[in-house]
PDB file of N, CA and C in Angstrom:
ATOM      1  N   MET A   1       0.886  -1.061  -0.353  1.00  0.00           N
ATOM      2  CA  MET A   1      -0.014  -0.213  -0.081  1.00  0.00           C
ATOM      3  C   MET A   1       0.511   1.495  -0.018  1.00  0.00           C
ATOM      4  N   THR A   2       0.360   2.117  -0.712  1.00  0.00           N
ATOM      5  CA  THR A   2       1.512   3.431  -0.883  1.00  0.00           C
ATOM      6  C   THR A   2       0.595   4.377   0.014  1.00  0.00           C
ATOM      7  N   THR A   3       1.709   5.537   0.057  1.00  0.00           N
ATOM      8  CA  THR A   3       0.680   6.639   0.903  1.00  0.00           C
ATOM      9  C   THR A   3      -0.034   6.862   0.524  1.00  0.00           C
ATOM     10  N   ALA A   4      -0.197   7.125  -1.303  1.00  0.00           N
ATOM     11  CA  ALA A   4      -1.216   8.120  -2.000  1.00  0.00           C
ATOM     12  C   ALA A   4      -2.496   7.406  -1.606  1.00  0.00           C
ATOM     13  N   GLU A   5      -2.456   5.825  -1.445  1.00  0.00           N
ATOM     14  CA  GLU A   5      -3.383   5.249  -1.444  1.00  0.00           C
ATOM     15  C   GLU A   5      -4.278   5.352  -0.106  1.00  0.00           C
ATOM     16  N   LEU A   6      -3.606   6.064   0.826  1.00  0.00           N
ATOM     17  CA  LEU A   6      -4.123   6.303   2.839  1.00  0.00           C
ATOM     18  C   LEU A   6      -5.252   7.451   1.971  1.00  0.00           C
ATOM     19  N   LEU A   7      -6.533   7.233   2.696  1.00  0.00           N
ATOM     20  CA  LEU A   7      -7.511   8.598   2.654  1.00  0.00           C
ATOM     21  C   LEU A   7      -7.017   9.053   3.984  1.00  0.00           C
ATOM     22  N   PRO A   8      -7.033  10.693   3.781  1.00  0.00           N
ATOM     23  CA  PRO A   8      -6.942  10.814   5.248  1.00  0.00           C
ATOM     24  C   PRO A   8      -8.220  10.666   6.099  1.00  0.00           C
ATOM     25  N   LEU A   9      -7.443  10.709   7.324  1.00  0.00           N
ATOM     26  CA  LEU A   9      -8.320  10.406   8.303  1.00  0.00           C
ATOM     27  C   LEU A   9      -9.822  11.668   8.235  1.00  0.00           C
ATOM     28  N   ARG A  10      -9.869  12.371   8.419  1.00  0.00           N
ATOM     29  CA  ARG A  10     -10.521  13.638   8.218  1.00  0.00           C
ATOM     30  C   ARG A  10     -11.926  13.435   7.174  1.00  0.00           C
ATOM     31  N   ASP A  11     -11.335  12.675   6.423  1.00  0.00           N
ATOM     32  CA  ASP A  11     -12.578  12.382   5.435  1.00  0.00           C
ATOM     33  C   ASP A  11     -13.463  11.181   5.371  1.00  0.00           C
ATOM     34  N   VAL A  12     -12.353  10.116   6.068  1.00  0.00           N
ATOM     35  CA  VAL A  12     -13.624   9.222   6.479  1.00  0.00           C
ATOM     36  C   VAL A  12     -14.590   9.328   7.545  1.00  0.00           C
ATOM     37  N   ARG A  13     -14.694  10.178   8.315  1.00  0.00           N
ATOM     38  CA  ARG A  13     -15.766  10.328   8.907  1.00  0.00           C
ATOM     39  C   ARG A  13     -17.207  10.839   8.072  1.00  0.00           C
ATOM     40  N   ALA A  14     -16.811  11.827   7.055  1.00  0.00           N
ATOM     41  CA  ALA A  14     -17.439  12.386   6.526  1.00  0.00           C
ATOM     42  C   ALA A  14     -18.140  11.435   5.398  1.00  0.00           C
ATOM     43  N   CYS A  15     -17.342  10.392   4.959  1.00  0.00           N
ATOM     44  CA  CYS A  15     -17.982   9.489   3.853  1.00  0.00           C
ATOM     45  C   CYS A  15     -18.622   8.511   4.449  1.00  0.00           C
ATOM     46  N   CYS A  16     -17.947   7.916   5.781  1.00  0.00           N
ATOM     47  CA  CYS A  16     -18.260   6.911   6.401  1.00  0.00           C
ATOM     48  C   CYS A  16     -19.408   7.036   7.651  1.00  0.00           C
ATOM     49  N   PRO A  17     -20.738   6.154   7.685  1.00  0.00           N
ATOM     50  CA  PRO A  17     -21.361   6.170   8.974  1.00  0.00           C
ATOM     51  C   PRO A  17     -21.212   5.011   9.586  1.00  0.00           C
ATOM     52  N   PRO A  18     -21.054   4.852  11.054  1.00  0.00           N
ATOM     53  CA  PRO A  18     -20.697   3.727  11.832  1.00  0.00           C
ATOM     54  C   PRO A  18     -21.180   2.661  10.820  1.00  0.00           C
ATOM     55  N   ILE A  19     -20.652   1.746  10.988  1.00  0.00           N
ATOM     56  CA  ILE A  19     -20.399   0.108  10.480  1.00  0.00           C
ATOM     57  C   ILE A  19     -21.548  -0.442  11.205  1.00  0.00           C
ATOM     58  N   THR A  20     -22.055  -0.035  12.129  1.00  0.00           N
ATOM     59  CA  THR A  20     -23.081  -0.857  12.795  1.00  0.00           C
ATOM     60  C   THR A  20     -24.538  -0.139  12.463  1.00  0.00           C
ATOM     61  N   GLY A  21     -24.165   1.425  11.830  1.00  0.00           N
ATOM     62  CA  GLY A  21     -25.611   1.973  11.793  1.00  0.00           C
ATOM     63  C   GLY A  21     -26.675   1.597  10.638  1.00  0.00           C
ATOM     64  N   GLU A  22     -25.970   1.108   9.449  1.00  0.00           N
ATOM     65  CA  GLU A  22     -26.338   0.718   8.614  1.00  0.00           C
ATOM     66  C   GLU A  22     -25.286  -0.248   7.583  1.00  0.00           C
ATOM     67  N   VAL A  23     -25.525  -0.690   6.362  1.00  0.00           N
ATOM     68  CA  VAL A  23     -24.617  -1.438   5.718  1.00  0.00           C
ATOM     69  C   VAL A  23     -23.608  -0.571   4.662  1.00  0.00           C
ATOM     70  N   MET A  24     -22.522  -1.410   4.852  1.00  0.00           N
ATOM     71  CA  MET A  24     -21.535  -0.206   4.281  1.00  0.00           C
ATOM     72  C   MET A  24     -21.756  -0.198   2.982  1.00  0.00           C
ATOM     73  N   THR A  25     -21.407   0.614   2.190  1.00  0.00           N
ATOM     74  CA  THR A  25     -20.972   0.386   0.722  1.00  0.00           C
ATOM     75  C   THR A  25     -19.492   0.212   0.589  1.00  0.00           C
ATOM     76  N   ALA A  26     -19.501  -0.789  -0.538  1.00  0.00           N
ATOM     77  CA  ALA A  26     -18.210  -0.850  -0.664  1.00  0.00           C
ATOM     78  C   ALA A  26     -17.375  -0.517  -1.046  1.00  0.00           C
ATOM     79  N   GLN A  27     -17.091   0.983  -1.168  1.00  0.00           N
ATOM     80  CA  GLN A  27     -16.482   2.229  -1.644  1.00  0.00           C
ATOM     81  C   GLN A  27     -16.160   3.099  -0.082  1.00  0.00           C
ATOM     82  N   ASN A  28     -17.500   2.774   1.114  1.00  0.00           N
ATOM     83  CA  ASN A  28     -16.557   3.293   2.333  1.00  0.00           C
ATOM     84  C   ASN A  28     -16.362   1.921   2.726  1.00  0.00           C
ATOM     85  N   ALA A  29     -16.386   0.862   3.162  1.00  0.00           N
ATOM     86  CA  ALA A  29     -15.805  -0.122   3.186  1.00  0.00           C
ATOM     87  C   ALA A  29     -14.031   0.097   3.150  1.00  0.00           C
ATOM     88  N   GLU A  30     -13.626  -0.007   1.607  1.00  0.00           N
ATOM     89  CA  GLU A  30     -12.461   0.477   0.946  1.00  0.00           C
ATOM     90  C   GLU A  30     -12.083   1.580   1.555  1.00  0.00           C
ATOM     91  N   SER A  31     -12.467   2.688   1.712  1.00  0.00           N
ATOM     92  CA  SER A  31     -11.993   3.709   2.452  1.00  0.00           C
ATOM     93  C   SER A  31     -11.396   3.865   3.539  1.00  0.00           C
ATOM     94  N   LEU A  32     -12.140   2.976   4.511  1.00  0.00           N
ATOM     95  CA  LEU A  32     -12.106   2.821   5.811  1.00  0.00           C
ATOM     96  C   LEU A  32     -11.445   2.098   6.682  1.00  0.00           C
ATOM     97  N   ALA A  33     -11.159   0.649   5.451  1.00  0.00           N
ATOM     98  CA  ALA A  33     -10.203  -0.160   5.767  1.00  0.00           C
ATOM     99  C   ALA A  33      -8.822   0.084   5.335  1.00  0.00           C
ATOM    100  N   ARG A  34      -8.395   1.244   4.374  1.00  0.00           N
ATOM    101  CA  ARG A  34      -7.331   2.171   3.683  1.00  0.00           C
ATOM    102  C   ARG A  34      -6.865   2.758   5.473  1.00  0.00           C
ATOM    103  N   SER A  35      -7.703   3.442   6.249  1.00  0.00           N
ATOM    104  CA  SER A  35      -7.252   4.471   7.226  1.00  0.00           C
ATOM    105  C   SER A  35      -6.920   3.250   8.198  1.00  0.00           C
ATOM    106  N   LEU A  36      -7.984   2.071   8.425  1.00  0.00           N
ATOM    107  CA  LEU A  36      -7.228   1.257   9.689  1.00  0.00           C
ATOM    108  C   LEU A  36      -6.167   0.792   9.315  1.00  0.00           C
ATOM    109  N   LYS A  37      -5.774   0.282   8.089  1.00  0.00           N
ATOM    110  CA  LYS A  37      -4.373  -0.425   7.654  1.00  0.00           C
ATOM    111  C   LYS A  37      -3.443   0.631   8.392  1.00  0.00           C
ATOM    112  N   ALA A  38      -3.232   1.448   8.129  1.00  0.00           N
ATOM    113  CA  ALA A  38      -2.339   2.713   8.691  1.00  0.00           C
ATOM    114  C   ALA A  38      -2.037   2.115  10.054  1.00  0.00           C
ATOM    115  N   LEU A  39      -3.239   2.138  11.014  1.00  0.00           N
ATOM    116  CA  LEU A  39      -2.552   1.415  12.120  1.00  0.00           C
ATOM    117  C   LEU A  39      -2.525   0.320  12.436  1.00  0.00           C
ATOM    118  N   ALA A  40      -2.665  -0.456  11.550  1.00  0.00           N
ATOM    119  CA  ALA A  40      -2.494  -2.059  12.223  1.00  0.00           C
ATOM    120  C   ALA A  40      -1.229  -2.635  11.209  1.00  0.00           C
ATOM    121  N   ASP A  41      -0.456  -1.726  12.007  1.00  0.00           N
ATOM    122  CA  ASP A  41       1.261  -2.189  11.914  1.00  0.00           C
ATOM    123  C   ASP A  41       1.840  -1.985  13.694  1.00  0.00           C
ATOM    124  N   PRO A  42       2.551  -3.348  13.744  1.00  0.00           N
ATOM    125  CA  PRO A  42       2.524  -2.718  15.337  1.00  0.00           C
ATOM    126  C   PRO A  42       3.715  -1.911  16.096  1.00  0.00           C
ATOM    127  N   ALA A  43       4.563  -1.216  14.767  1.00  0.00           N
ATOM    128  CA  ALA A  43       5.514  -0.357  15.005  1.00  0.00           C
ATOM    129  C   ALA A  43       4.577   1.323  15.003  1.00  0.00           C
ATOM    130  N   ARG A  44       3.760   1.293  14.215  1.00  0.00           N
ATOM    131  CA  ARG A  44       2.824   2.265  14.145  1.00  0.00           C
ATOM    132  C   ARG A  44       2.086   2.309  15.381  1.00  0.00           C
ATOM    133  N   LEU A  45       1.506   1.338  15.350  1.00  0.00           N
ATOM    134  CA  LEU A  45       0.493   1.565  17.059  1.00  0.00           C
ATOM    135  C   LEU A  45       1.806   1.962  18.071  1.00  0.00           C
ATOM    136  N   ARG A  46       2.776   1.624  17.632  1.00  0.00           N
ATOM    137  CA  ARG A  46       4.017   2.168  18.888  1.00  0.00           C
ATOM    138  C   ARG A  46       4.201   3.700  18.927  1.00  0.00           C
ATOM    139  N   LEU A  47       4.259   3.834  17.763  1.00  0.00           N
ATOM    140  CA  LEU A  47       4.597   4.932  17.241  1.00  0.00           C
ATOM    141  C   LEU A  47       3.369   6.279  18.089  1.00  0.00           C
ATOM    142  N   VAL A  48       2.268   6.196  17.386  1.00  0.00           N
ATOM    143  CA  VAL A  48       1.122   6.754  18.399  1.00  0.00           C
ATOM    144  C   VAL A  48       1.004   6.715  19.515  1.00  0.00           C
ATOM    145  N   SER A  49       1.216   5.803  20.185  1.00  0.00           N
ATOM    146  CA  SER A  49       1.519   5.909  21.335  1.00  0.00           C
ATOM    147  C   SER A  49       2.452   6.008  22.502  1.00  0.00           C
ATOM    148  N   ILE A  50       3.532   6.106  21.710  1.00  0.00           N
ATOM    149  CA  ILE A  50       5.122   7.319  22.271  1.00  0.00           C
ATOM    150  C   ILE A  50       4.601   8.399  21.965  1.00  0.00           C
ATOM    151  N   VAL A  51       4.260   9.182  21.197  1.00  0.00           N
ATOM    152  CA  VAL A  51       3.575  10.396  20.646  1.00  0.00           C
ATOM    153  C   VAL A  51       2.819  10.950  21.928  1.00  0.00           C
ATOM    154  N   ALA A  52       1.666  10.042  22.079  1.00  0.00           N
ATOM    155  CA  ALA A  52       0.678  10.710  22.733  1.00  0.00           C
ATOM    156  C   ALA A  52       0.966  10.835  24.318  1.00  0.00           C
ATOM    157  N   ALA A  53       2.285   9.467  24.450  1.00  0.00           N
ATOM    158  CA  ALA A  53       2.354   9.280  25.862  1.00  0.00           C
ATOM    159  C   ALA A  53       3.722  10.699  26.050  1.00  0.00           C
ATOM    160  N   HIS A  54       4.632  11.620  25.281  1.00  0.00           N
ATOM    161  CA  HIS A  54       4.982  12.317  25.198  1.00  0.00           C
ATOM    162  C   HIS A  54       5.001  13.814  25.584  1.00  0.00           C
ATOM    163  N   GLU A  55       5.852  14.194  26.399  1.00  0.00           N
ATOM    164  CA  GLU A  55       5.543  15.715  26.933  1.00  0.00           C
ATOM    165  C   GLU A  55       4.821  16.496  26.126  1.00  0.00           C
ATOM    166  N   ALA A  56       3.676  17.154  26.528  1.00  0.00           N
ATOM    167  CA  ALA A  56       2.941  17.837  25.627  1.00  0.00           C
ATOM    168  C   ALA A  56       2.432  17.229  24.113  1.00  0.00           C
ATOM    169  N   GLN A  57       2.756  15.937  24.736  1.00  0.00           N
ATOM    170  CA  GLN A  57       2.020  15.229  23.649  1.00  0.00           C
ATOM    171  C   GLN A  57       2.799  14.876  21.908  1.00  0.00           C
ATOM    172  N   GLU A  58       3.808  15.294  22.340  1.00  0.00           N
ATOM    173  CA  GLU A  58       4.532  15.714  20.925  1.00  0.00           C
ATOM    174  C   GLU A  58       5.757  15.006  20.936  1.00  0.00           C
ATOM    175  N   ALA A  59       6.028  14.548  19.905  1.00  0.00           N
ATOM    176  CA  ALA A  59       7.750  14.065  19.707  1.00  0.00           C
ATOM    177  C   ALA A  59       8.404  14.403  18.631  1.00  0.00           C
ATOM    178  N   CYS A  60       9.675  14.398  19.026  1.00  0.00           N
ATOM    179  CA  CYS A  60      11.220  14.596  17.960  1.00  0.00           C
ATOM    180  C   CYS A  60      10.945  13.379  17.319  1.00  0.00           C
ATOM    181  N   VAL A  61      11.192  13.553  16.380  1.00  0.00           N
ATOM    182  CA  VAL A  61      11.937  12.463  15.106  1.00  0.00           C
ATOM    183  C   VAL A  61      12.585  11.775  16.060  1.00  0.00           C
ATOM    184  N   CYS A  62      13.711  12.454  16.363  1.00  0.00           N
ATOM    185  CA  CYS A  62      14.852  12.140  16.626  1.00  0.00           C
ATOM    186  C   CYS A  62      14.533  10.999  17.964  1.00  0.00           C
ATOM    187  N   ASP A  63      13.423  11.477  18.977  1.00  0.00           N
ATOM    188  CA  ASP A  63      13.284  10.599  19.971  1.00  0.00           C
ATOM    189  C   ASP A  63      12.419   9.380  19.688  1.00  0.00           C
ATOM    190  N   LEU A  64      12.101   9.140  18.482  1.00  0.00           N
ATOM    191  CA  LEU A  64      11.362   8.047  18.295  1.00  0.00           C
ATOM    192  C   LEU A  64      11.815   7.008  17.482  1.00  0.00           C
ATOM    193  N   THR A  65      13.529   6.884  17.484  1.00  0.00           N
ATOM    194  CA  THR A  65      13.738   5.862  16.468  1.00  0.00           C
ATOM    195  C   THR A  65      14.293   5.191  17.789  1.00  0.00           C
ATOM    196  N   GLU A  66      15.191   5.207  18.809  1.00  0.00           N
ATOM    197  CA  GLU A  66      15.434   4.200  19.329  1.00  0.00           C
ATOM    198  C   GLU A  66      14.359   3.271  20.422  1.00  0.00           C
ATOM    199  N   PRO A  67      13.050   3.810  20.623  1.00  0.00           N
ATOM    200  CA  PRO A  67      11.986   3.154  21.597  1.00  0.00           C
ATOM    201  C   PRO A  67      11.683   2.032  20.432  1.00  0.00           C
ATOM    202  N   LEU A  68      11.828   2.175  19.352  1.00  0.00           N
ATOM    203  CA  LEU A  68      11.441   1.288  18.264  1.00  0.00           C
ATOM    204  C   LEU A  68      12.231   0.064  17.815  1.00  0.00           C
ATOM    205  N   GLY A  69      13.509   0.968  17.966  1.00  0.00           N
ATOM    206  CA  GLY A  69      14.603  -0.396  17.899  1.00  0.00           C
ATOM    207  C   GLY A  69      14.844  -0.537  16.171  1.00  0.00           C
ATOM    208  N   LEU A  70      14.749   0.510  15.454  1.00  0.00           N
ATOM    209  CA  LEU A  70      14.195   0.628  13.878  1.00  0.00           C
ATOM    210  C   LEU A  70      15.000   1.474  13.243  1.00  0.00           C
ATOM    211  N   SER A  71      15.524   1.458  12.031  1.00  0.00           N
ATOM    212  CA  SER A  71      16.365   2.214  11.284  1.00  0.00           C
ATOM    213  C   SER A  71      15.639   3.590  11.536  1.00  0.00           C
ATOM    214  N   GLN A  72      16.392   4.785  11.226  1.00  0.00           N
ATOM    215  CA  GLN A  72      15.408   6.202  10.792  1.00  0.00           C
ATOM    216  C   GLN A  72      14.868   6.228   9.742  1.00  0.00           C
ATOM    217  N   PRO A  73      15.289   5.742   8.727  1.00  0.00           N
ATOM    218  CA  PRO A  73      14.473   5.607   7.732  1.00  0.00           C
ATOM    219  C   PRO A  73      13.013   4.925   7.634  1.00  0.00           C
ATOM    220  N   THR A  74      13.242   3.906   8.481  1.00  0.00           N
ATOM    221  CA  THR A  74      11.785   3.223   8.488  1.00  0.00           C
ATOM    222  C   THR A  74      11.102   3.469   9.342  1.00  0.00           C
ATOM    223  N   VAL A  75      11.542   4.408  10.749  1.00  0.00           N
ATOM    224  CA  VAL A  75      10.669   5.277  11.556  1.00  0.00           C
ATOM    225  C   VAL A  75      10.022   6.237  10.565  1.00  0.00           C
ATOM    226  N   SER A  76      10.489   7.175   9.904  1.00  0.00           N
ATOM    227  CA  SER A  76      10.116   7.829   9.105  1.00  0.00           C
ATOM    228  C   SER A  76       9.407   7.594   8.334  1.00  0.00           C
ATOM    229  N   HIS A  77       9.428   6.188   7.257  1.00  0.00           N
ATOM    230  CA  HIS A  77       8.125   5.889   6.760  1.00  0.00           C
ATOM    231  C   HIS A  77       6.708   5.619   7.309  1.00  0.00           C
ATOM    232  N   HIS A  78       7.235   5.211   8.511  1.00  0.00           N
ATOM    233  CA  HIS A  78       6.019   4.755   9.530  1.00  0.00           C
ATOM    234  C   HIS A  78       4.851   5.970   9.782  1.00  0.00           C
ATOM    235  N   LEU A  79       6.042   7.265  10.266  1.00  0.00           N
ATOM    236  CA  LEU A  79       5.191   8.302  10.710  1.00  0.00           C
ATOM    237  C   LEU A  79       4.358   9.072   9.252  1.00  0.00           C
ATOM    238  N   LYS A  80       5.203   8.635   8.055  1.00  0.00           N
ATOM    239  CA  LYS A  80       4.720   9.392   7.144  1.00  0.00           C
ATOM    240  C   LYS A  80       3.315   8.703   6.586  1.00  0.00           C
ATOM    241  N   VAL A  81       3.181   7.457   6.866  1.00  0.00           N
ATOM    242  CA  VAL A  81       1.993   6.531   6.632  1.00  0.00           C
ATOM    243  C   VAL A  81       1.275   7.359   7.805  1.00  0.00           C
ATOM    244  N   LEU A  82       1.518   7.448   8.824  1.00  0.00           N
ATOM    245  CA  LEU A  82       0.681   7.753   9.977  1.00  0.00           C
ATOM    246  C   LEU A  82       0.046   9.211   9.737  1.00  0.00           C
ATOM    247  N   THR A  83       0.898   9.985   9.047  1.00  0.00           N
ATOM    248  CA  THR A  83       0.582  11.760   8.613  1.00  0.00           C
ATOM    249  C   THR A  83       0.059  12.028   7.623  1.00  0.00           C
ATOM    250  N   ASP A  84       0.280  11.286   6.573  1.00  0.00           N
ATOM    251  CA  ASP A  84      -0.594  11.239   5.831  1.00  0.00           C
ATOM    252  C   ASP A  84      -2.649  10.683   5.632  1.00  0.00           C
ATOM    253  N   ALA A  85      -2.344   9.936   6.567  1.00  0.00           N
ATOM    254  CA  ALA A  85      -3.634   8.987   7.041  1.00  0.00           C
ATOM    255  C   ALA A  85      -4.104  10.250   7.644  1.00  0.00           C
ATOM    256  N   GLY A  86      -3.605  11.070   8.346  1.00  0.00           N
ATOM    257  CA  GLY A  86      -4.525  11.611   9.283  1.00  0.00           C
ATOM    258  C   GLY A  86      -4.433  11.330  10.544  1.00  0.00           C
ATOM    259  N   PHE A  87      -3.601  10.938  11.521  1.00  0.00           N
ATOM    260  CA  PHE A  87      -3.811  10.411  12.599  1.00  0.00           C
ATOM    261  C   PHE A  87      -2.765  11.065  13.724  1.00  0.00           C
ATOM    262  N   LEU A  88      -1.523  11.751  12.246  1.00  0.00           N
ATOM    263  CA  LEU A  88      -0.206  12.595  13.342  1.00  0.00           C
ATOM    264  C   LEU A  88      -0.083  13.706  12.600  1.00  0.00           C
ATOM    265  N   SER A  89      -0.011  14.841  12.735  1.00  0.00           N
ATOM    266  CA  SER A  89       0.591  15.829  11.978  1.00  0.00           C
ATOM    267  C   SER A  89       1.717  16.386  12.436  1.00  0.00           C
ATOM    268  N   ARG A  90       2.340  17.146  11.407  1.00  0.00           N
ATOM    269  CA  ARG A  90       4.338  17.322  11.391  1.00  0.00           C
ATOM    270  C   ARG A  90       4.405  18.671  11.633  1.00  0.00           C
ATOM    271  N   SER A  91       5.369  19.488  11.839  1.00  0.00           N
ATOM    272  CA  SER A  91       5.880  20.139  11.920  1.00  0.00           C
ATOM    273  C   SER A  91       7.245  20.253  11.994  1.00  0.00           C
ATOM    274  N   LYS A  92       7.983  21.276  11.407  1.00  0.00           N
ATOM    275  CA  LYS A  92       9.744  21.528  11.226  1.00  0.00           C
ATOM    276  C   LYS A  92      10.198  22.434  11.757  1.00  0.00           C
ATOM    277  N   ARG A  93      10.837  22.120  12.588  1.00  0.00           N
ATOM    278  CA  ARG A  93      11.731  23.068  13.542  1.00  0.00           C
ATOM    279  C   ARG A  93      13.120  23.313  13.314  1.00  0.00           C
ATOM    280  N   GLY A  94      13.884  24.427  12.414  1.00  0.00           N
ATOM    281  CA  GLY A  94      15.210  23.550  12.141  1.00  0.00           C
ATOM    282  C   GLY A  94      15.566  22.471  11.620  1.00  0.00           C
ATOM    283  N   THR A  95      16.169  21.440  11.944  1.00  0.00           N
ATOM    284  CA  THR A  95      16.472  20.718  11.150  1.00  0.00           C
ATOM    285  C   THR A  95      15.655  19.222  11.442  1.00  0.00           C
ATOM    286  N   TRP A  96      14.891  19.247  12.349  1.00  0.00           N
ATOM    287  CA  TRP A  96      14.474  18.368  13.215  1.00  0.00           C
ATOM    288  C   TRP A  96      12.584  18.502  12.909  1.00  0.00           C
ATOM    289  N   ALA A  97      11.906  17.232  12.754  1.00  0.00           N
ATOM    290  CA  ALA A  97      10.465  17.139  12.841  1.00  0.00           C
ATOM    291  C   ALA A  97      10.419  17.144  14.029  1.00  0.00           C
ATOM    292  N   TYR A  98       8.700  17.282  14.443  1.00  0.00           N
ATOM    293  CA  TYR A  98       8.016  17.099  15.277  1.00  0.00           C
ATOM    294  C   TYR A  98       6.582  16.811  15.191  1.00  0.00           C
ATOM    295  N   TYR A  99       5.933  15.326  15.768  1.00  0.00           N
ATOM    296  CA  TYR A  99       4.933  14.658  15.739  1.00  0.00           C
ATOM    297  C   TYR A  99       3.687  14.763  16.695  1.00  0.00           C
ATOM    298  N   ARG A 100       2.893  15.164  16.184  1.00  0.00           N
ATOM    299  CA  ARG A 100       1.748  15.462  17.440  1.00  0.00           C
ATOM    300  C   ARG A 100       0.495  14.690  17.152  1.00  0.00           C
ATOM    301  N   LEU A 101      -0.167  13.984  17.926  1.00  0.00           N
ATOM    302  CA  LEU A 101      -1.463  13.210  17.613  1.00  0.00           C
ATOM    303  C   LEU A 101      -2.582  13.883  17.148  1.00  0.00           C
ATOM    304  N   VAL A 102      -3.070  14.402  15.726  1.00  0.00           N
ATOM    305  CA  VAL A 102      -4.643  15.053  15.850  1.00  0.00           C
ATOM    306  C   VAL A 102      -5.724  14.714  16.204  1.00  0.00           C
ATOM    307  N   PRO A 103      -5.956  15.947  16.946  1.00  0.00           N
ATOM    308  CA  PRO A 103      -6.902  15.568  18.135  1.00  0.00           C
ATOM    309  C   PRO A 103      -7.699  15.176  17.883  1.00  0.00           C
ATOM    310  N   GLY A 104      -8.675  14.048  18.014  1.00  0.00           N
ATOM    311  CA  GLY A 104      -9.497  13.232  17.689  1.00  0.00           C
ATOM    312  C   GLY A 104      -9.685  12.140  16.977  1.00  0.00           C
ATOM    313  N   SER A 105      -8.419  11.857  15.776  1.00  0.00           N
ATOM    314  CA  SER A 105      -8.326  11.202  15.348  1.00  0.00           C
ATOM    315  C   SER A 105      -8.508   9.906  15.789  1.00  0.00           C
ATOM    316  N   LEU A 106      -8.387   9.595  16.611  1.00  0.00           N
ATOM    317  CA  LEU A 106      -8.518   7.831  16.809  1.00  0.00           C
ATOM    318  C   LEU A 106     -10.211   7.691  17.692  1.00  0.00           C
ATOM    319  N   ASP A 107     -10.254   9.117  17.955  1.00  0.00           N
ATOM    320  CA  ASP A 107     -12.112   9.486  18.397  1.00  0.00           C
ATOM    321  C   ASP A 107     -12.835   8.889  17.402  1.00  0.00           C
ATOM    322  N   ALA A 108     -12.305   9.145  15.968  1.00  0.00           N
ATOM    323  CA  ALA A 108     -13.319   9.335  14.755  1.00  0.00           C
ATOM    324  C   ALA A 108     -13.203   7.919  14.571  1.00  0.00           C
ATOM    325  N   VAL A 109     -12.072   7.141  14.888  1.00  0.00           N
ATOM    326  CA  VAL A 109     -11.817   5.483  14.169  1.00  0.00           C
ATOM    327  C   VAL A 109     -12.659   4.696  14.915  1.00  0.00           C
ATOM    328  N   ALA A 110     -12.916   5.138  16.399  1.00  0.00           N
ATOM    329  CA  ALA A 110     -13.428   4.689  17.060  1.00  0.00           C
ATOM    330  C   ALA A 110     -15.014   4.545  17.352  1.00  0.00           C
ATOM    331  N   GLY A 111     -15.340   5.442  16.828  1.00  0.00           N
ATOM    332  CA  GLY A 111     -16.747   6.019  16.377  1.00  0.00           C
ATOM    333  C   GLY A 111     -17.370   5.168  15.026  1.00  0.00           C
ATOM    334  N   LEU A 112     -16.663   4.876  14.521  1.00  0.00           N
ATOM    335  CA  LEU A 112     -16.976   4.718  12.946  1.00  0.00           C
ATOM    336  C   LEU A 112     -17.032   2.725  13.784  1.00  0.00           C
ATOM    337  N   ILE A 113     -16.015   2.365  14.129  1.00  0.00           N
ATOM    338  CA  ILE A 113     -16.758   1.150  14.369  1.00  0.00           C
ATOM    339  C   ILE A 113     -17.011   0.616  15.785  1.00  0.00           C
ATOM    340  N   ALA A 114     -17.861   1.473  16.523  1.00  0.00           N
ATOM    341  CA  ALA A 114     -18.095   0.829  17.839  1.00  0.00           C
ATOM    342  C   ALA A 114     -19.428   0.814  17.509  1.00  0.00           C
ATOM    343  N   THR A 115     -20.345  -0.144  18.137  1.00  0.00           N
ATOM    344  CA  THR A 115     -21.340  -0.231  18.227  1.00  0.00           C
ATOM    345  C   THR A 115     -22.583   0.687  18.932  1.00  0.00           C
ATOM    346  N   VAL A 116     -23.371   1.008  18.383  1.00  0.00           N
ATOM    347  CA  VAL A 116     -24.625   2.116  18.945  1.00  0.00           C
ATOM    348  C   VAL A 116     -25.114   1.654  20.121  1.00  0.00           C
TER     349      VAL A 116
END
């Protein structure tokens, strides 16, 4: 899956009613699945957790490679997938990139798969 195939999460809620509310169309199911795939990786789940637990819920990319035990390019790839999917936002300060959990992004996914 390329990052271009990911639907930004902010669009998922607009296109898709909760899956328990009515039968999903094939197109809505594909859109939601693309966003869920962005989370469906152990390294990405850990990155979301680390960023959310970090001071001020923001973490420098320089603080994310060691806890995962992955190379910097691999961590950067995972961060890009999460950013493109709308789970993280990125800001650049000098030579470093800082990542922050997009407010409500996880709640939006939970709301789409939760029972009514």
